[in-house]
Protein backbone atom coordinates (compact mmCIF):
# COMPACT_ATOMS: atom_id res chain seq x y z
CA UNK A 1 109.28 136.15 131.02
CA UNK A 2 107.66 139.34 132.42
CA UNK A 3 108.91 142.75 131.49
CA UNK A 4 110.19 145.15 134.20
CA UNK A 5 109.72 148.91 133.36
CA UNK A 6 112.01 151.68 134.62
CA UNK A 7 110.76 154.77 132.85
CA UNK A 8 109.60 156.23 129.58
CA UNK A 9 111.44 158.65 127.17
CA UNK A 10 111.14 159.93 123.59
CA UNK A 11 112.18 157.34 121.00
CA UNK A 12 114.71 159.61 119.33
CA UNK A 13 116.78 159.73 122.63
CA UNK A 14 120.27 158.20 122.61
CA UNK A 15 121.00 156.16 125.72
CA UNK A 16 124.25 154.86 127.21
CA UNK A 17 125.22 151.50 126.02
CA UNK A 18 124.94 148.40 128.23
CA UNK A 19 123.10 149.95 131.23
CA UNK A 20 122.72 147.21 133.87
CA UNK A 21 119.37 146.88 135.67
CA UNK A 22 117.91 144.95 138.47
CA UNK A 23 118.35 141.19 139.22
CA UNK A 24 121.25 138.87 140.13
CA UNK A 25 122.95 138.80 137.85
CA UNK A 26 121.95 142.31 136.78
CA UNK A 27 119.69 142.29 133.56
CA UNK A 28 120.66 144.32 130.57
CA UNK A 29 118.36 147.29 129.84
CA UNK A 30 116.61 147.48 126.53
CA UNK A 31 114.05 149.78 124.94
CA UNK A 32 110.52 148.82 123.91
CA UNK A 33 109.09 151.22 121.39
CA UNK A 34 105.38 152.22 121.08
CA UNK A 35 104.83 155.02 118.49
CA UNK A 36 107.35 157.88 119.22
CA UNK A 37 108.06 156.74 122.83
CA UNK A 38 110.15 154.01 124.28
CA UNK A 39 110.08 152.32 127.77
CA UNK A 40 113.24 151.38 129.37
CA UNK A 41 112.90 147.73 130.36
CA UNK A 42 114.60 144.40 131.20
CA UNK A 43 113.47 140.98 132.02
CA UNK A 44 111.70 140.92 135.47
CA UNK A 45 113.31 138.40 138.01
CA UNK A 46 111.23 135.86 139.58
CA UNK A 47 110.16 136.74 143.02
CA UNK A 48 111.00 140.45 142.69
CA UNK A 49 111.57 142.13 146.08
CA UNK A 50 112.68 145.56 147.09
CA UNK A 51 116.15 144.60 147.95
CA UNK A 52 118.59 147.43 148.46
CA UNK A 53 120.70 146.38 145.46
CA UNK A 54 117.64 146.38 143.15
CA UNK A 55 116.30 149.70 144.49
CA UNK A 56 119.70 151.25 143.76
CA UNK A 57 119.91 149.52 140.33
CA UNK A 58 116.41 150.96 139.34
CA UNK A 59 117.52 154.40 140.39
CA UNK A 60 120.77 154.00 138.45
CA UNK A 61 118.96 153.19 135.17
CA UNK A 62 116.66 156.21 135.54
CA UNK A 63 119.52 158.56 136.36
CA UNK A 64 121.82 157.23 133.49
CA UNK A 65 118.93 157.35 130.91
CA UNK A 66 117.97 160.84 131.97
CA UNK A 67 121.34 162.47 131.43
CA UNK A 68 120.63 163.71 127.97
CA UNK A 69 116.93 164.58 128.36
CA UNK A 70 113.77 164.06 130.32
CA UNK A 71 112.75 160.53 131.58
CA UNK A 72 109.38 159.80 133.01
CA UNK A 73 110.57 157.67 135.94
CA UNK A 74 108.43 154.89 137.25
CA UNK A 75 108.64 153.73 140.81
CA UNK A 76 110.25 150.41 141.70
CA UNK A 77 108.23 147.26 140.98
CA UNK A 78 106.57 148.12 137.67
CA UNK A 79 106.12 144.73 135.93
CA UNK A 80 104.11 144.05 132.62
CA UNK A 81 103.20 140.69 131.14
CA UNK A 82 105.48 141.19 128.15
CA UNK A 83 107.09 143.72 125.81
CA UNK A 84 103.97 143.81 123.56
CA UNK A 85 101.80 144.97 126.56
CA UNK A 86 104.36 147.67 127.22
CA UNK A 87 104.19 148.83 123.76
CA UNK A 88 100.52 148.91 123.63
CA UNK A 89 100.37 150.97 126.88
CA UNK A 90 102.73 153.55 125.42
CA UNK A 91 100.52 154.11 122.48
CA UNK A 92 97.26 154.07 124.53
CA UNK A 93 98.61 156.73 126.89
CA UNK A 94 100.77 158.55 124.43
CA UNK A 95 99.21 162.01 125.05
CA UNK A 96 99.64 161.83 128.79
CA UNK A 97 103.23 160.60 128.62
CA UNK A 98 104.22 163.27 126.15
CA UNK A 99 102.76 166.04 128.28
CA UNK A 100 104.51 164.83 131.50
CA UNK A 101 107.78 164.49 129.66
CA UNK A 102 107.41 168.26 128.60
CA UNK A 103 106.45 169.27 132.05
CA UNK A 104 109.54 167.58 133.67
CA UNK A 105 112.00 168.64 131.13
CA UNK A 106 114.92 170.40 132.82
CA UNK A 107 113.65 169.72 136.38
CA UNK A 108 114.49 167.64 139.32
CA UNK A 109 112.66 166.68 142.48
CA UNK A 110 113.83 167.73 145.95
CA UNK A 111 112.11 166.20 149.06
CA UNK A 112 111.98 167.99 152.33
CA UNK A 113 111.31 166.39 155.60
CA UNK A 114 110.44 168.83 158.38
CA UNK A 115 110.27 168.35 162.20
CA UNK A 116 110.05 170.32 165.24
CA UNK A 117 112.86 170.67 167.75
CA UNK A 118 110.69 169.82 170.76
CA UNK A 119 112.49 172.06 173.28
CA UNK A 120 112.70 174.90 170.89
CA UNK A 121 109.08 174.75 169.81
CA UNK A 122 107.96 174.83 173.36
CA UNK A 123 109.78 177.98 173.93
CA UNK A 124 108.20 179.35 170.69
CA UNK A 125 104.56 178.68 171.65
CA UNK A 126 105.05 180.01 175.16
CA UNK A 127 106.63 183.23 173.74
CA UNK A 128 103.77 183.64 171.39
CA UNK A 129 100.97 183.30 174.06
CA UNK A 130 101.32 185.62 177.06
CA UNK A 131 98.48 183.81 178.75
CA UNK A 132 100.18 180.47 178.29
CA UNK A 133 103.48 181.87 179.58
CA UNK A 134 101.73 183.31 182.51
CA UNK A 135 100.17 179.88 183.27
CA UNK A 136 103.42 178.34 183.09
CA UNK A 137 105.06 180.64 185.51
CA UNK A 138 102.11 180.19 188.00
CA UNK A 139 102.29 176.41 187.64
CA UNK A 140 106.06 176.34 188.18
CA UNK A 141 105.62 178.59 191.27
CA UNK A 142 102.81 176.32 192.63
CA UNK A 143 105.15 173.43 192.33
CA UNK A 144 102.58 170.73 191.28
CA UNK A 145 102.06 171.86 187.74
CA UNK A 146 98.30 171.63 187.88
CA UNK A 147 95.08 173.64 188.73
CA UNK A 148 91.70 172.33 189.44
CA UNK A 149 89.80 175.28 187.82
CA UNK A 150 90.99 174.79 184.20
CA UNK A 151 92.74 172.48 181.61
CA UNK A 152 96.01 170.93 182.66
CA UNK A 153 98.90 172.97 181.52
CA UNK A 154 100.24 169.98 179.45
CA UNK A 155 96.95 169.87 177.51
CA UNK A 156 97.13 173.53 176.74
CA UNK A 157 100.62 173.17 175.56
CA UNK A 158 99.77 170.14 173.44
CA UNK A 159 96.96 172.04 171.68
CA UNK A 160 99.31 175.07 171.13
CA UNK A 161 101.90 172.79 169.57
CA UNK A 162 99.42 170.96 167.30
CA UNK A 163 98.30 174.42 166.03
CA UNK A 164 101.87 175.40 165.51
CA UNK A 165 102.46 172.22 163.57
CA UNK A 166 99.66 173.24 161.16
CA UNK A 167 100.87 176.82 160.77
CA UNK A 168 104.57 175.73 160.30
CA UNK A 169 103.62 173.22 157.66
CA UNK A 170 101.92 176.06 155.79
CA UNK A 171 104.86 178.33 156.34
CA UNK A 172 107.40 175.98 154.91
CA UNK A 173 105.30 175.23 151.74
CA UNK A 174 104.31 178.94 151.21
CA UNK A 175 107.97 179.96 151.67
CA UNK A 176 109.54 177.47 149.21
CA UNK A 177 106.78 177.11 146.56
CA UNK A 178 107.75 180.24 144.70
CA UNK A 179 111.13 178.58 143.95
CA UNK A 180 109.46 175.44 142.48
CA UNK A 181 107.45 174.62 139.39
CA UNK A 182 105.19 172.34 141.53
CA UNK A 183 104.81 171.02 144.98
CA UNK A 184 103.40 167.70 146.22
CA UNK A 185 102.57 166.86 149.88
CA UNK A 186 103.72 163.40 150.92
CA UNK A 187 101.60 160.88 152.66
CA UNK A 188 100.96 161.33 156.45
CA UNK A 189 101.83 159.03 159.12
CA UNK A 190 105.52 159.31 158.34
CA UNK A 191 106.48 160.62 161.72
CA UNK A 192 107.44 163.96 160.31
CA UNK A 193 105.85 167.29 160.75
CA UNK A 194 105.77 167.67 156.95
CA UNK A 195 106.94 165.67 154.05
CA UNK A 196 107.05 167.85 150.88
CA UNK A 197 108.27 167.19 147.36
CA UNK A 198 109.23 170.13 145.09
CA UNK A 199 109.82 170.13 141.32
CA UNK A 200 112.72 172.51 140.83
CA UNK A 201 114.09 173.93 137.42
CA UNK A 202 117.84 173.19 137.31
CA UNK A 203 118.58 176.88 136.75
CA UNK A 204 116.82 177.64 140.09
CA UNK A 205 118.38 174.92 142.18
CA UNK A 206 120.81 177.17 144.08
CA UNK A 207 117.89 179.60 144.76
CA UNK A 208 115.73 176.86 146.21
CA UNK A 209 118.55 175.52 148.44
CA UNK A 210 119.38 178.99 149.59
CA UNK A 211 115.68 179.49 150.58
CA UNK A 212 115.82 176.32 152.56
CA UNK A 213 118.87 177.51 154.39
CA UNK A 214 117.28 180.80 155.13
CA UNK A 215 114.14 179.08 156.47
CA UNK A 216 116.27 177.13 158.81
CA UNK A 217 118.08 180.23 160.10
CA UNK A 218 114.93 182.28 160.59
CA UNK A 219 112.90 179.67 162.31
CA UNK A 220 115.24 177.87 164.81
CA UNK A 221 112.46 175.45 166.15
CA UNK A 222 112.35 173.83 162.65
CA UNK A 223 114.57 170.98 161.53
CA UNK A 224 114.63 170.40 157.66
CA UNK A 225 116.35 167.51 155.89
CA UNK A 226 116.45 168.13 152.00
CA UNK A 227 117.34 165.43 149.71
CA UNK A 228 118.04 165.72 146.00
CA UNK A 229 118.29 166.37 143.14
CA UNK A 230 116.39 163.22 142.36
CA UNK A 231 114.30 161.79 139.43
CA UNK A 232 110.83 163.53 139.68
CA UNK A 233 108.99 160.40 140.85
CA UNK A 234 106.36 162.49 142.69
CA UNK A 235 105.41 164.38 139.66
CA UNK A 236 104.77 161.61 137.06
CA UNK A 237 100.96 162.15 137.48
CA UNK A 238 99.57 165.44 136.34
CA UNK A 239 98.84 167.65 139.27
């Protein structure tokens, strides 16, 4: 049977007994050793799918295993042909894994999704551009909202909002980066203005969250949703 892999840790780590992993029934988690590293593994169910129960079980294994020290968390779905292959990979990539474990020790991931409040950002871009505000007043007075001698007001606003999206993304990252050991931008196309991940030292967790709250208070047109602490999935690869 194939081997499912949850994460990687030092071989001298003590783990909780009888951690239950993915599958129905849940598969017991075991360690596979390669040199001075171990992989947290279980048998891989046939026809593995990203079902909510299994996603939560994967997360549970990583969190439980990381209570007494760093774990290099792998994303859901990592399957190897067998335990021997896992052990060989641990030895082959030993230096990389050791470096990442050291870099992640004592740190957690916080994700931040940022959006614009549409009405508030409209007021903000108008307030920042006197010419745009004047055009808005003229169009409202004219009653038809358009002029033949220039771009439509809506197009002007759309360009201003697009520019504000770029500057606000940079603002959020610039403001919060000093409170994190590393920052990663998430993939585009998520429907959010920005999707950022921050690697935060546990001793600085309160500072980071305070900075997020201050950002929200100082820039009322922004809407932030912070999630964490989480296993540092976004920082497994070296930056």
